[in-house]
C-alpha atoms as a PDB file:
ATOM      1  CA  UNK A   1     -79.883  21.143  47.737  1.00  0.00           C
ATOM      2  CA  UNK A   2     -78.290  18.219  49.537  1.00  0.00           C
ATOM      3  CA  UNK A   3     -75.454  16.518  47.715  1.00  0.00           C
ATOM      4  CA  UNK A   4     -74.131  13.114  48.690  1.00  0.00           C
ATOM      5  CA  UNK A   5     -70.873  11.737  47.283  1.00  0.00           C
ATOM      6  CA  UNK A   6     -69.825   8.156  47.883  1.00  0.00           C
ATOM      7  CA  UNK A   7     -66.240   6.915  47.667  1.00  0.00           C
ATOM      8  CA  UNK A   8     -64.115   3.923  48.673  1.00  0.00           C
ATOM      9  CA  UNK A   9     -65.408   1.269  46.333  1.00  0.00           C
ATOM     10  CA  UNK A  10     -63.219  -1.028  44.386  1.00  0.00           C
ATOM     11  CA  UNK A  11     -62.174  -4.650  43.679  1.00  0.00           C
ATOM     12  CA  UNK A  12     -61.511  -6.890  46.637  1.00  0.00           C
ATOM     13  CA  UNK A  13     -60.966 -10.591  47.084  1.00  0.00           C
ATOM     14  CA  UNK A  14     -63.480 -12.736  48.980  1.00  0.00           C
ATOM     15  CA  UNK A  15     -62.872 -12.404  52.709  1.00  0.00           C
ATOM     16  CA  UNK A  16     -61.427  -8.925  52.284  1.00  0.00           C
ATOM     17  CA  UNK A  17     -62.556  -5.575  53.636  1.00  0.00           C
ATOM     18  CA  UNK A  18     -63.512  -2.149  52.319  1.00  0.00           C
ATOM     19  CA  UNK A  19     -64.687   1.046  53.909  1.00  0.00           C
ATOM     20  CA  UNK A  20     -67.112   3.231  52.020  1.00  0.00           C
ATOM     21  CA  UNK A  21     -67.605   6.915  52.772  1.00  0.00           C
ATOM     22  CA  UNK A  22     -70.493   9.225  51.964  1.00  0.00           C
ATOM     23  CA  UNK A  23     -69.854  12.953  52.284  1.00  0.00           C
ATOM     24  CA  UNK A  24     -72.852  15.284  52.586  1.00  0.00           C
ATOM     25  CA  UNK A  25     -72.936  18.942  51.621  1.00  0.00           C
ATOM     26  CA  UNK A  26     -75.571  21.580  51.176  1.00  0.00           C
ATOM     27  CA  UNK A  27     -77.201  21.011  54.501  1.00  0.00           C
ATOM     28  CA  UNK A  28     -76.811  22.396  58.036  1.00  0.00           C
ATOM     29  CA  UNK A  29     -78.802  19.512  59.491  1.00  0.00           C
ATOM     30  CA  UNK A  30     -76.670  16.471  58.700  1.00  0.00           C
ATOM     31  CA  UNK A  31     -76.334  15.551  62.407  1.00  0.00           C
ATOM     32  CA  UNK A  32     -80.147  15.489  62.752  1.00  0.00           C
ATOM     33  CA  UNK A  33     -80.713  13.249  59.696  1.00  0.00           C
ATOM     34  CA  UNK A  34     -80.908   9.474  59.586  1.00  0.00           C
ATOM     35  CA  UNK A  35     -78.628   8.096  56.884  1.00  0.00           C
ATOM     36  CA  UNK A  36     -78.669   4.822  55.033  1.00  0.00           C
ATOM     37  CA  UNK A  37     -76.677   2.597  52.757  1.00  0.00           C
ATOM     38  CA  UNK A  38     -78.343   0.625  49.938  1.00  0.00           C
ATOM     39  CA  UNK A  39     -77.008  -1.509  47.133  1.00  0.00           C
ATOM     40  CA  UNK A  40     -78.040  -2.686  43.680  1.00  0.00           C
ATOM     41  CA  UNK A  41     -76.575  -5.708  42.002  1.00  0.00           C
ATOM     42  CA  UNK A  42     -76.865  -6.200  38.236  1.00  0.00           C
ATOM     43  CA  UNK A  43     -80.357  -7.249  37.254  1.00  0.00           C
ATOM     44  CA  UNK A  44     -81.707  -6.793  40.764  1.00  0.00           C
ATOM     45  CA  UNK A  45     -83.686  -4.184  42.655  1.00  0.00           C
ATOM     46  CA  UNK A  46     -81.975  -1.748  44.979  1.00  0.00           C
ATOM     47  CA  UNK A  47     -81.966  -3.182  48.479  1.00  0.00           C
ATOM     48  CA  UNK A  48     -81.516  -1.927  52.035  1.00  0.00           C
ATOM     49  CA  UNK A  49     -78.139  -2.528  53.656  1.00  0.00           C
ATOM     50  CA  UNK A  50     -77.947  -0.425  56.830  1.00  0.00           C
ATOM     51  CA  UNK A  51     -79.220   2.727  58.496  1.00  0.00           C
ATOM     52  CA  UNK A  52     -78.067   4.964  61.298  1.00  0.00           C
ATOM     53  CA  UNK A  53     -80.223   7.482  63.133  1.00  0.00           C
ATOM     54  CA  UNK A  54     -79.205  10.900  64.356  1.00  0.00           C
ATOM     55  CA  UNK A  55     -78.775   9.335  67.776  1.00  0.00           C
ATOM     56  CA  UNK A  56     -76.509   6.615  66.480  1.00  0.00           C
ATOM     57  CA  UNK A  57     -78.964   3.691  66.532  1.00  0.00           C
ATOM     58  CA  UNK A  58     -78.265   1.232  63.741  1.00  0.00           C
ATOM     59  CA  UNK A  59     -80.132  -1.379  61.747  1.00  0.00           C
ATOM     60  CA  UNK A  60     -78.841  -3.932  59.258  1.00  0.00           C
ATOM     61  CA  UNK A  61     -80.083  -6.263  56.606  1.00  0.00           C
ATOM     62  CA  UNK A  62     -79.845  -9.888  57.750  1.00  0.00           C
ATOM     63  CA  UNK A  63     -77.396 -10.615  54.892  1.00  0.00           C
ATOM     64  CA  UNK A  64     -74.798  -8.209  56.290  1.00  0.00           C
ATOM     65  CA  UNK A  65     -75.309  -8.438  60.048  1.00  0.00           C
ATOM     66  CA  UNK A  66     -72.063  -9.174  61.862  1.00  0.00           C
ATOM     67  CA  UNK A  67     -69.979  -8.267  58.798  1.00  0.00           C
ATOM     68  CA  UNK A  68     -70.870  -4.625  58.051  1.00  0.00           C
ATOM     69  CA  UNK A  69     -70.811  -1.623  60.381  1.00  0.00           C
ATOM     70  CA  UNK A  70     -72.394   1.750  59.682  1.00  0.00           C
ATOM     71  CA  UNK A  71     -71.104   4.808  61.515  1.00  0.00           C
ATOM     72  CA  UNK A  72     -71.112   8.581  61.185  1.00  0.00           C
ATOM     73  CA  UNK A  73     -68.895  11.571  61.928  1.00  0.00           C
ATOM     74  CA  UNK A  74     -71.194  14.544  62.359  1.00  0.00           C
ATOM     75  CA  UNK A  75     -68.269  16.959  62.605  1.00  0.00           C
ATOM     76  CA  UNK A  76     -67.268  15.975  59.052  1.00  0.00           C
ATOM     77  CA  UNK A  77     -70.755  15.331  57.661  1.00  0.00           C
ATOM     78  CA  UNK A  78     -69.721  11.819  56.662  1.00  0.00           C
ATOM     79  CA  UNK A  79     -71.328   8.417  57.046  1.00  0.00           C
ATOM     80  CA  UNK A  80     -69.243   5.266  56.670  1.00  0.00           C
ATOM     81  CA  UNK A  81     -69.873   1.600  55.870  1.00  0.00           C
ATOM     82  CA  UNK A  82     -67.144  -0.707  57.104  1.00  0.00           C
ATOM     83  CA  UNK A  83     -67.454  -4.002  55.207  1.00  0.00           C
ATOM     84  CA  UNK A  84     -65.608  -7.113  56.414  1.00  0.00           C
ATOM     85  CA  UNK A  85     -65.608 -10.742  55.325  1.00  0.00           C
ATOM     86  CA  UNK A  86     -66.862  -9.718  51.903  1.00  0.00           C
ATOM     87  CA  UNK A  87     -68.515 -12.311  49.678  1.00  0.00           C
ATOM     88  CA  UNK A  88     -69.033 -12.381  45.902  1.00  0.00           C
ATOM     89  CA  UNK A  89     -72.730 -11.802  46.513  1.00  0.00           C
ATOM     90  CA  UNK A  90     -71.883  -8.413  48.064  1.00  0.00           C
ATOM     91  CA  UNK A  91     -70.906  -7.210  44.572  1.00  0.00           C
ATOM     92  CA  UNK A  92     -73.099  -4.204  43.740  1.00  0.00           C
ATOM     93  CA  UNK A  93     -73.213  -0.471  43.356  1.00  0.00           C
ATOM     94  CA  UNK A  94     -73.534   0.973  46.829  1.00  0.00           C
ATOM     95  CA  UNK A  95     -75.547   4.130  47.404  1.00  0.00           C
ATOM     96  CA  UNK A  96     -76.052   6.347  50.438  1.00  0.00           C
ATOM     97  CA  UNK A  97     -79.280   8.093  51.172  1.00  0.00           C
ATOM     98  CA  UNK A  98     -80.424  10.883  53.422  1.00  0.00           C
ATOM     99  CA  UNK A  99     -83.625   9.272  54.631  1.00  0.00           C
ATOM    100  CA  UNK A 100     -85.905  12.208  55.317  1.00  0.00           C
ATOM    101  CA  UNK A 101     -85.086  14.156  52.184  1.00  0.00           C
ATOM    102  CA  UNK A 102     -84.846  11.153  49.875  1.00  0.00           C
ATOM    103  CA  UNK A 103     -81.528  12.386  48.485  1.00  0.00           C
ATOM    104  CA  UNK A 104     -79.262   9.786  46.916  1.00  0.00           C
ATOM    105  CA  UNK A 105     -75.613   9.777  46.011  1.00  0.00           C
ATOM    106  CA  UNK A 106     -74.326   8.630  42.634  1.00  0.00           C
ATOM    107  CA  UNK A 107     -73.099   5.316  43.930  1.00  0.00           C
ATOM    108  CA  UNK A 108     -69.751   3.521  44.186  1.00  0.00           C
ATOM    109  CA  UNK A 109     -68.988   0.100  42.700  1.00  0.00           C
ATOM    110  CA  UNK A 110     -67.916  -2.764  44.962  1.00  0.00           C
ATOM    111  CA  UNK A 111     -66.732  -5.914  43.263  1.00  0.00           C
ATOM    112  CA  UNK A 112     -65.814  -9.003  45.268  1.00  0.00           C
ATOM    113  CA  UNK A 113     -63.932 -11.494  43.137  1.00  0.00           C
ATOM    114  CA  UNK A 114     -60.807 -13.595  43.111  1.00  0.00           C
END
């Protein structure tokens, strides 16, 4: 059973930065799995943020392009989301997902506010 645990969320001022981490366990195939980050703001549906393939190809939502960077460390079974130039509208619970298995983490709260 794959387990995903997110960390790194918190309160940050507009224009600030945060790096989220998602640690995977219970799988020998992390390096072969595409991983994604999604977010859900209060009262809204969960939405796509970014994905990274096993080969390192990335894709981003238009709303975060140029500000967020997804990366992975296959030796550590961790996927990261570096978030820069944060805006209040980035406030949400951020979730990571192992795409092929559909496994989700429990989420980590990011709040952007002055």
